[in-house]
PDB file of N, CA and C in Angstrom:
ATOM      1  N   UNK A   1     -52.173 -24.507 -68.738  1.00  0.00           N
ATOM      2  CA  UNK A   1     -50.809 -24.002 -68.737  1.00  0.00           C
ATOM      3  C   UNK A   1     -50.292 -23.984 -70.172  1.00  0.00           C
ATOM      4  N   UNK A   2     -49.704 -22.883 -70.568  1.00  0.00           N
ATOM      5  CA  UNK A   2     -49.117 -22.766 -71.899  1.00  0.00           C
ATOM      6  C   UNK A   2     -47.862 -23.619 -71.994  1.00  0.00           C
ATOM      7  N   UNK A   3     -47.556 -24.078 -73.191  1.00  0.00           N
ATOM      8  CA  UNK A   3     -46.344 -24.841 -73.453  1.00  0.00           C
ATOM      9  C   UNK A   3     -45.385 -23.974 -74.246  1.00  0.00           C
ATOM     10  N   UNK A   4     -44.112 -24.014 -73.868  1.00  0.00           N
ATOM     11  CA  UNK A   4     -43.087 -23.226 -74.557  1.00  0.00           C
ATOM     12  C   UNK A   4     -41.895 -24.112 -74.887  1.00  0.00           C
ATOM     13  N   UNK A   5     -41.125 -23.700 -75.878  1.00  0.00           N
ATOM     14  CA  UNK A   5     -39.805 -24.285 -76.088  1.00  0.00           C
ATOM     15  C   UNK A   5     -38.854 -23.384 -75.321  1.00  0.00           C
ATOM     16  N   UNK A   6     -38.314 -23.888 -74.252  1.00  0.00           N
ATOM     17  CA  UNK A   6     -37.555 -23.095 -73.287  1.00  0.00           C
ATOM     18  C   UNK A   6     -36.237 -22.597 -73.863  1.00  0.00           C
ATOM     19  N   UNK A   7     -35.945 -21.333 -73.593  1.00  0.00           N
ATOM     20  CA  UNK A   7     -34.704 -20.723 -74.064  1.00  0.00           C
ATOM     21  C   UNK A   7     -33.488 -21.245 -73.304  1.00  0.00           C
ATOM     22  N   UNK A   8     -33.705 -21.876 -72.154  1.00  0.00           N
ATOM     23  CA  UNK A   8     -32.582 -22.388 -71.370  1.00  0.00           C
ATOM     24  C   UNK A   8     -32.334 -23.869 -71.630  1.00  0.00           C
ATOM     25  N   UNK A   9     -33.367 -24.694 -71.487  1.00  0.00           N
ATOM     26  CA  UNK A   9     -33.176 -26.146 -71.609  1.00  0.00           C
ATOM     27  C   UNK A   9     -33.540 -26.675 -72.999  1.00  0.00           C
ATOM     28  N   UNK A  10     -34.159 -25.841 -73.823  1.00  0.00           N
ATOM     29  CA  UNK A  10     -34.525 -26.161 -75.202  1.00  0.00           C
ATOM     30  C   UNK A  10     -35.506 -27.326 -75.309  1.00  0.00           C
ATOM     31  N   UNK A  11     -36.276 -27.560 -74.247  1.00  0.00           N
ATOM     32  CA  UNK A  11     -37.303 -28.597 -74.267  1.00  0.00           C
ATOM     33  C   UNK A  11     -38.678 -27.949 -74.270  1.00  0.00           C
ATOM     34  N   UNK A  12     -39.671 -28.682 -74.759  1.00  0.00           N
ATOM     35  CA  UNK A  12     -41.046 -28.186 -74.701  1.00  0.00           C
ATOM     36  C   UNK A  12     -41.622 -28.586 -73.360  1.00  0.00           C
ATOM     37  N   UNK A  13     -41.998 -27.565 -72.581  1.00  0.00           N
ATOM     38  CA  UNK A  13     -42.537 -27.788 -71.242  1.00  0.00           C
ATOM     39  C   UNK A  13     -43.560 -26.709 -70.939  1.00  0.00           C
ATOM     40  N   UNK A  14     -44.193 -26.833 -69.792  1.00  0.00           N
ATOM     41  CA  UNK A  14     -45.128 -25.820 -69.340  1.00  0.00           C
ATOM     42  C   UNK A  14     -44.411 -24.506 -69.073  1.00  0.00           C
ATOM     43  N   UNK A  15     -45.047 -23.400 -69.441  1.00  0.00           N
ATOM     44  CA  UNK A  15     -44.454 -22.073 -69.307  1.00  0.00           C
ATOM     45  C   UNK A  15     -44.367 -21.642 -67.846  1.00  0.00           C
ATOM     46  N   UNK A  16     -43.425 -20.735 -67.584  1.00  0.00           N
ATOM     47  CA  UNK A  16     -43.357 -20.083 -66.277  1.00  0.00           C
ATOM     48  C   UNK A  16     -44.656 -19.318 -66.073  1.00  0.00           C
ATOM     49  N   UNK A  17     -45.037 -19.119 -64.845  1.00  0.00           N
ATOM     50  CA  UNK A  17     -46.294 -18.425 -64.577  1.00  0.00           C
ATOM     51  C   UNK A  17     -46.276 -17.006 -65.147  1.00  0.00           C
ATOM     52  N   UNK A  18     -47.436 -16.534 -65.537  1.00  0.00           N
ATOM     53  CA  UNK A  18     -47.564 -15.248 -66.217  1.00  0.00           C
ATOM     54  C   UNK A  18     -46.990 -14.105 -65.399  1.00  0.00           C
ATOM     55  N   UNK A  19     -47.136 -14.136 -64.095  1.00  0.00           N
ATOM     56  CA  UNK A  19     -46.679 -13.033 -63.263  1.00  0.00           C
ATOM     57  C   UNK A  19     -45.290 -13.277 -62.676  1.00  0.00           C
ATOM     58  N   UNK A  20     -44.468 -14.077 -63.345  1.00  0.00           N
ATOM     59  CA  UNK A  20     -43.131 -14.373 -62.849  1.00  0.00           C
ATOM     60  C   UNK A  20     -42.286 -13.109 -62.726  1.00  0.00           C
ATOM     61  N   UNK A  21     -42.523 -12.148 -63.602  1.00  0.00           N
ATOM     62  CA  UNK A  21     -41.769 -10.897 -63.650  1.00  0.00           C
ATOM     63  C   UNK A  21     -42.682  -9.882 -64.321  1.00  0.00           C
ATOM     64  N   UNK A  22     -42.455  -8.614 -64.141  1.00  0.00           N
ATOM     65  CA  UNK A  22     -43.355  -7.595 -64.684  1.00  0.00           C
ATOM     66  C   UNK A  22     -42.902  -7.063 -66.038  1.00  0.00           C
ATOM     67  N   UNK A  23     -43.807  -6.423 -66.732  1.00  0.00           N
ATOM     68  CA  UNK A  23     -43.496  -5.706 -67.967  1.00  0.00           C
ATOM     69  C   UNK A  23     -43.167  -6.617 -69.141  1.00  0.00           C
ATOM     70  N   UNK A  24     -42.466  -6.026 -70.115  1.00  0.00           N
ATOM     71  CA  UNK A  24     -42.111  -6.743 -71.338  1.00  0.00           C
ATOM     72  C   UNK A  24     -41.210  -7.937 -71.035  1.00  0.00           C
ATOM     73  N   UNK A  25     -40.318  -7.789 -70.074  1.00  0.00           N
ATOM     74  CA  UNK A  25     -39.438  -8.904 -69.715  1.00  0.00           C
ATOM     75  C   UNK A  25     -40.252 -10.051 -69.117  1.00  0.00           C
ATOM     76  N   UNK A  26     -41.258  -9.726 -68.330  1.00  0.00           N
ATOM     77  CA  UNK A  26     -42.138 -10.752 -67.770  1.00  0.00           C
ATOM     78  C   UNK A  26     -42.891 -11.503 -68.853  1.00  0.00           C
ATOM     79  N   UNK A  27     -43.368 -10.761 -69.858  1.00  0.00           N
ATOM     80  CA  UNK A  27     -44.041 -11.410 -70.990  1.00  0.00           C
ATOM     81  C   UNK A  27     -43.083 -12.341 -71.714  1.00  0.00           C
ATOM     82  N   UNK A  28     -41.865 -11.879 -71.893  1.00  0.00           N
ATOM     83  CA  UNK A  28     -40.848 -12.678 -72.585  1.00  0.00           C
ATOM     84  C   UNK A  28     -40.521 -13.953 -71.805  1.00  0.00           C
ATOM     85  N   UNK A  29     -40.416 -13.825 -70.495  1.00  0.00           N
ATOM     86  CA  UNK A  29     -40.152 -14.994 -69.648  1.00  0.00           C
ATOM     87  C   UNK A  29     -41.288 -15.994 -69.804  1.00  0.00           C
ATOM     88  N   UNK A  30     -42.527 -15.525 -69.741  1.00  0.00           N
ATOM     89  CA  UNK A  30     -43.685 -16.409 -69.869  1.00  0.00           C
ATOM     90  C   UNK A  30     -43.714 -17.096 -71.237  1.00  0.00           C
ATOM     91  N   UNK A  31     -43.260 -16.419 -72.278  1.00  0.00           N
ATOM     92  CA  UNK A  31     -43.302 -16.961 -73.640  1.00  0.00           C
ATOM     93  C   UNK A  31     -42.105 -17.844 -73.975  1.00  0.00           C
ATOM     94  N   UNK A  32     -40.992 -17.714 -73.225  1.00  0.00           N
ATOM     95  CA  UNK A  32     -39.765 -18.405 -73.626  1.00  0.00           C
ATOM     96  C   UNK A  32     -39.104 -19.255 -72.551  1.00  0.00           C
ATOM     97  N   UNK A  33     -39.635 -19.254 -71.327  1.00  0.00           N
ATOM     98  CA  UNK A  33     -38.981 -19.981 -70.233  1.00  0.00           C
ATOM     99  C   UNK A  33     -39.970 -20.963 -69.614  1.00  0.00           C
ATOM    100  N   UNK A  34     -39.520 -22.191 -69.399  1.00  0.00           N
ATOM    101  CA  UNK A  34     -40.391 -23.186 -68.777  1.00  0.00           C
ATOM    102  C   UNK A  34     -40.411 -22.994 -67.263  1.00  0.00           C
ATOM    103  N   UNK A  35     -41.437 -23.544 -66.648  1.00  0.00           N
ATOM    104  CA  UNK A  35     -41.614 -23.413 -65.204  1.00  0.00           C
ATOM    105  C   UNK A  35     -40.450 -24.039 -64.430  1.00  0.00           C
ATOM    106  N   UNK A  36     -39.909 -25.150 -64.933  1.00  0.00           N
ATOM    107  CA  UNK A  36     -38.801 -25.822 -64.243  1.00  0.00           C
ATOM    108  C   UNK A  36     -37.549 -24.949 -64.225  1.00  0.00           C
ATOM    109  N   UNK A  37     -37.234 -24.323 -65.350  1.00  0.00           N
ATOM    110  CA  UNK A  37     -36.047 -23.457 -65.404  1.00  0.00           C
ATOM    111  C   UNK A  37     -36.265 -22.186 -64.592  1.00  0.00           C
ATOM    112  N   UNK A  38     -37.505 -21.680 -64.567  1.00  0.00           N
ATOM    113  CA  UNK A  38     -37.800 -20.510 -63.737  1.00  0.00           C
ATOM    114  C   UNK A  38     -37.578 -20.856 -62.263  1.00  0.00           C
ATOM    115  N   UNK A  39     -38.005 -22.048 -61.845  1.00  0.00           N
ATOM    116  CA  UNK A  39     -37.802 -22.486 -60.458  1.00  0.00           C
ATOM    117  C   UNK A  39     -36.304 -22.606 -60.148  1.00  0.00           C
ATOM    118  N   UNK A  40     -35.522 -23.098 -61.104  1.00  0.00           N
ATOM    119  CA  UNK A  40     -34.071 -23.175 -60.921  1.00  0.00           C
ATOM    120  C   UNK A  40     -33.490 -21.781 -60.747  1.00  0.00           C
ATOM    121  N   UNK A  41     -33.984 -20.814 -61.545  1.00  0.00           N
ATOM    122  CA  UNK A  41     -33.488 -19.447 -61.416  1.00  0.00           C
ATOM    123  C   UNK A  41     -33.796 -18.885 -60.028  1.00  0.00           C
ATOM    124  N   UNK A  42     -34.978 -19.143 -59.500  1.00  0.00           N
ATOM    125  CA  UNK A  42     -35.336 -18.604 -58.194  1.00  0.00           C
ATOM    126  C   UNK A  42     -34.368 -19.086 -57.113  1.00  0.00           C
ATOM    127  N   UNK A  43     -33.883 -20.307 -57.243  1.00  0.00           N
ATOM    128  CA  UNK A  43     -32.864 -20.813 -56.310  1.00  0.00           C
ATOM    129  C   UNK A  43     -31.514 -20.149 -56.570  1.00  0.00           C
ATOM    130  N   UNK A  44     -31.144 -20.017 -57.836  1.00  0.00           N
ATOM    131  CA  UNK A  44     -29.869 -19.396 -58.197  1.00  0.00           C
ATOM    132  C   UNK A  44     -29.860 -17.908 -57.840  1.00  0.00           C
ATOM    133  N   UNK A  45     -31.026 -17.276 -57.922  1.00  0.00           N
ATOM    134  CA  UNK A  45     -31.138 -15.847 -57.633  1.00  0.00           C
ATOM    135  C   UNK A  45     -30.655 -15.535 -56.213  1.00  0.00           C
ATOM    136  N   UNK A  46     -31.028 -16.367 -55.261  1.00  0.00           N
ATOM    137  CA  UNK A  46     -30.610 -16.165 -53.873  1.00  0.00           C
ATOM    138  C   UNK A  46     -29.094 -16.234 -53.762  1.00  0.00           C
ATOM    139  N   UNK A  47     -28.499 -17.164 -54.470  1.00  0.00           N
ATOM    140  CA  UNK A  47     -27.041 -17.314 -54.445  1.00  0.00           C
ATOM    141  C   UNK A  47     -26.375 -16.074 -55.047  1.00  0.00           C
ATOM    142  N   UNK A  48     -26.885 -15.603 -56.173  1.00  0.00           N
ATOM    143  CA  UNK A  48     -26.321 -14.414 -56.818  1.00  0.00           C
ATOM    144  C   UNK A  48     -26.421 -13.210 -55.883  1.00  0.00           C
ATOM    145  N   UNK A  49     -27.582 -13.008 -55.283  1.00  0.00           N
ATOM    146  CA  UNK A  49     -27.776 -11.871 -54.371  1.00  0.00           C
ATOM    147  C   UNK A  49     -26.782 -11.939 -53.221  1.00  0.00           C
ATOM    148  N   UNK A  50     -26.641 -13.110 -52.626  1.00  0.00           N
ATOM    149  CA  UNK A  50     -25.748 -13.250 -51.476  1.00  0.00           C
ATOM    150  C   UNK A  50     -24.275 -13.147 -51.852  1.00  0.00           C
ATOM    151  N   UNK A  51     -23.873 -13.813 -52.930  1.00  0.00           N
ATOM    152  CA  UNK A  51     -22.460 -13.799 -53.297  1.00  0.00           C
ATOM    153  C   UNK A  51     -21.995 -12.426 -53.769  1.00  0.00           C
ATOM    154  N   UNK A  52     -22.858 -11.717 -54.467  1.00  0.00           N
ATOM    155  CA  UNK A  52     -22.482 -10.383 -54.956  1.00  0.00           C
ATOM    156  C   UNK A  52     -22.865  -9.285 -53.959  1.00  0.00           C
ATOM    157  N   UNK A  53     -23.506  -9.684 -52.873  1.00  0.00           N
ATOM    158  CA  UNK A  53     -23.940  -8.746 -51.821  1.00  0.00           C
ATOM    159  C   UNK A  53     -24.716  -7.576 -52.414  1.00  0.00           C
ATOM    160  N   UNK A  54     -25.727  -7.927 -53.203  1.00  0.00           N
ATOM    161  CA  UNK A  54     -26.514  -6.909 -53.885  1.00  0.00           C
ATOM    162  C   UNK A  54     -27.429  -6.185 -52.902  1.00  0.00           C
ATOM    163  N   UNK A  55     -27.511  -4.885 -53.062  1.00  0.00           N
ATOM    164  CA  UNK A  55     -28.349  -4.015 -52.236  1.00  0.00           C
ATOM    165  C   UNK A  55     -29.433  -3.447 -53.130  1.00  0.00           C
ATOM    166  N   UNK A  56     -30.685  -3.812 -52.889  1.00  0.00           N
ATOM    167  CA  UNK A  56     -31.749  -3.414 -53.792  1.00  0.00           C
ATOM    168  C   UNK A  56     -32.213  -1.984 -53.617  1.00  0.00           C
ATOM    169  N   UNK A  57     -31.587  -1.250 -52.738  1.00  0.00           N
ATOM    170  CA  UNK A  57     -31.816   0.189 -52.674  1.00  0.00           C
ATOM    171  C   UNK A  57     -30.993   0.875 -53.771  1.00  0.00           C
ATOM    172  N   UNK A  58     -30.027   0.158 -54.317  1.00  0.00           N
ATOM    173  CA  UNK A  58     -29.154   0.666 -55.374  1.00  0.00           C
ATOM    174  C   UNK A  58     -29.653   0.137 -56.722  1.00  0.00           C
ATOM    175  N   UNK A  59     -30.074   1.037 -57.629  1.00  0.00           N
ATOM    176  CA  UNK A  59     -30.562   0.587 -58.947  1.00  0.00           C
ATOM    177  C   UNK A  59     -29.538  -0.252 -59.715  1.00  0.00           C
ATOM    178  N   UNK A  60     -28.259  -0.012 -59.494  1.00  0.00           N
ATOM    179  CA  UNK A  60     -27.209  -0.786 -60.167  1.00  0.00           C
ATOM    180  C   UNK A  60     -27.294  -2.268 -59.765  1.00  0.00           C
ATOM    181  N   UNK A  61     -27.621  -2.530 -58.508  1.00  0.00           N
ATOM    182  CA  UNK A  61     -27.764  -3.918 -58.047  1.00  0.00           C
ATOM    183  C   UNK A  61     -28.915  -4.608 -58.758  1.00  0.00           C
ATOM    184  N   UNK A  62     -30.010  -3.900 -58.964  1.00  0.00           N
ATOM    185  CA  UNK A  62     -31.153  -4.462 -59.672  1.00  0.00           C
ATOM    186  C   UNK A  62     -30.773  -4.778 -61.116  1.00  0.00           C
ATOM    187  N   UNK A  63     -29.992  -3.893 -61.711  1.00  0.00           N
ATOM    188  CA  UNK A  63     -29.526  -4.109 -63.084  1.00  0.00           C
ATOM    189  C   UNK A  63     -28.616  -5.331 -63.167  1.00  0.00           C
ATOM    190  N   UNK A  64     -27.729  -5.469 -62.196  1.00  0.00           N
ATOM    191  CA  UNK A  64     -26.803  -6.611 -62.164  1.00  0.00           C
ATOM    192  C   UNK A  64     -27.588  -7.918 -62.031  1.00  0.00           C
ATOM    193  N   UNK A  65     -28.566  -7.959 -61.136  1.00  0.00           N
ATOM    194  CA  UNK A  65     -29.366  -9.176 -60.963  1.00  0.00           C
ATOM    195  C   UNK A  65     -30.148  -9.489 -62.232  1.00  0.00           C
ATOM    196  N   UNK A  66     -30.695  -8.465 -62.870  1.00  0.00           N
ATOM    197  CA  UNK A  66     -31.428  -8.673 -64.120  1.00  0.00           C
ATOM    198  C   UNK A  66     -30.535  -9.255 -65.203  1.00  0.00           C
ATOM    199  N   UNK A  67     -29.307  -8.783 -65.277  1.00  0.00           N
ATOM    200  CA  UNK A  67     -28.350  -9.305 -66.260  1.00  0.00           C
ATOM    201  C   UNK A  67     -28.062 -10.785 -65.993  1.00  0.00           C
ATOM    202  N   UNK A  68     -27.843 -11.124 -64.728  1.00  0.00           N
ATOM    203  CA  UNK A  68     -27.577 -12.526 -64.374  1.00  0.00           C
ATOM    204  C   UNK A  68     -28.789 -13.402 -64.706  1.00  0.00           C
ATOM    205  N   UNK A  69     -29.989 -12.880 -64.457  1.00  0.00           N
ATOM    206  CA  UNK A  69     -31.199 -13.641 -64.751  1.00  0.00           C
ATOM    207  C   UNK A  69     -31.315 -13.903 -66.249  1.00  0.00           C
ATOM    208  N   UNK A  70     -31.139 -12.872 -67.060  1.00  0.00           N
ATOM    209  CA  UNK A  70     -31.253 -13.050 -68.511  1.00  0.00           C
ATOM    210  C   UNK A  70     -30.203 -14.018 -69.032  1.00  0.00           C
ATOM    211  N   UNK A  71     -28.980 -13.953 -68.504  1.00  0.00           N
ATOM    212  CA  UNK A  71     -27.934 -14.898 -68.918  1.00  0.00           C
ATOM    213  C   UNK A  71     -28.298 -16.324 -68.500  1.00  0.00           C
ATOM    214  N   UNK A  72     -28.754 -16.503 -67.272  1.00  0.00           N
ATOM    215  CA  UNK A  72     -29.113 -17.825 -66.756  1.00  0.00           C
ATOM    216  C   UNK A  72     -30.224 -18.457 -67.581  1.00  0.00           C
ATOM    217  N   UNK A  73     -31.208 -17.630 -67.954  1.00  0.00           N
ATOM    218  CA  UNK A  73     -32.374 -18.138 -68.681  1.00  0.00           C
ATOM    219  C   UNK A  73     -32.177 -18.163 -70.191  1.00  0.00           C
ATOM    220  N   UNK A  74     -31.038 -17.703 -70.667  1.00  0.00           N
ATOM    221  CA  UNK A  74     -30.757 -17.712 -72.100  1.00  0.00           C
ATOM    222  C   UNK A  74     -31.574 -16.693 -72.873  1.00  0.00           C
ATOM    223  N   UNK A  75     -31.883 -15.568 -72.230  1.00  0.00           N
ATOM    224  CA  UNK A  75     -32.705 -14.556 -72.877  1.00  0.00           C
ATOM    225  C   UNK A  75     -31.889 -13.456 -73.542  1.00  0.00           C
ATOM    226  N   UNK A  76     -30.579 -13.457 -73.388  1.00  0.00           N
ATOM    227  CA  UNK A  76     -29.780 -12.383 -73.977  1.00  0.00           C
ATOM    228  C   UNK A  76     -29.887 -11.110 -73.172  1.00  0.00           C
ATOM    229  N   UNK A  77     -29.235 -10.064 -73.630  1.00  0.00           N
ATOM    230  CA  UNK A  77     -29.160  -8.824 -72.854  1.00  0.00           C
ATOM    231  C   UNK A  77     -29.923  -7.677 -73.455  1.00  0.00           C
ATOM    232  N   UNK A  78     -30.698  -7.906 -74.520  1.00  0.00           N
ATOM    233  CA  UNK A  78     -31.322  -6.783 -75.196  1.00  0.00           C
ATOM    234  C   UNK A  78     -32.510  -6.160 -74.471  1.00  0.00           C
ATOM    235  N   UNK A  79     -33.102  -6.848 -73.506  1.00  0.00           N
ATOM    236  CA  UNK A  79     -34.240  -6.301 -72.766  1.00  0.00           C
ATOM    237  C   UNK A  79     -33.758  -5.790 -71.426  1.00  0.00           C
ATOM    238  N   UNK A  80     -33.984  -4.513 -71.137  1.00  0.00           N
ATOM    239  CA  UNK A  80     -33.517  -3.937 -69.887  1.00  0.00           C
ATOM    240  C   UNK A  80     -34.340  -4.476 -68.728  1.00  0.00           C
ATOM    241  N   UNK A  81     -33.779  -4.496 -67.497  1.00  0.00           N
ATOM    242  CA  UNK A  81     -34.478  -5.043 -66.339  1.00  0.00           C
ATOM    243  C   UNK A  81     -35.761  -4.299 -66.016  1.00  0.00           C
ATOM    244  N   UNK A  82     -35.870  -3.036 -66.355  1.00  0.00           N
ATOM    245  CA  UNK A  82     -37.065  -2.271 -66.027  1.00  0.00           C
ATOM    246  C   UNK A  82     -38.209  -2.565 -66.966  1.00  0.00           C
ATOM    247  N   UNK A  83     -37.962  -3.278 -68.048  1.00  0.00           N
ATOM    248  CA  UNK A  83     -39.023  -3.582 -69.016  1.00  0.00           C
ATOM    249  C   UNK A  83     -39.709  -4.871 -68.674  1.00  0.00           C
TER     250      UNK A  83
END
């Protein structure tokens, strides 16, 4: 398992799994987010989806969830959700 300095908790820990997300954003998550913070996001993701009543047939909902994920993980907003 790779070790990263996590963008969220700022500790050195094991990296999130390589296939946590696809594309350039997935690579970034693997390089900058620890497995523990990724697991926390997966729990928070359900709450965000339910509270905002996101519909994944709507591309805007996918964009909104991606924005919340990047904010939660401390990744900033410069990488679009489709990357």
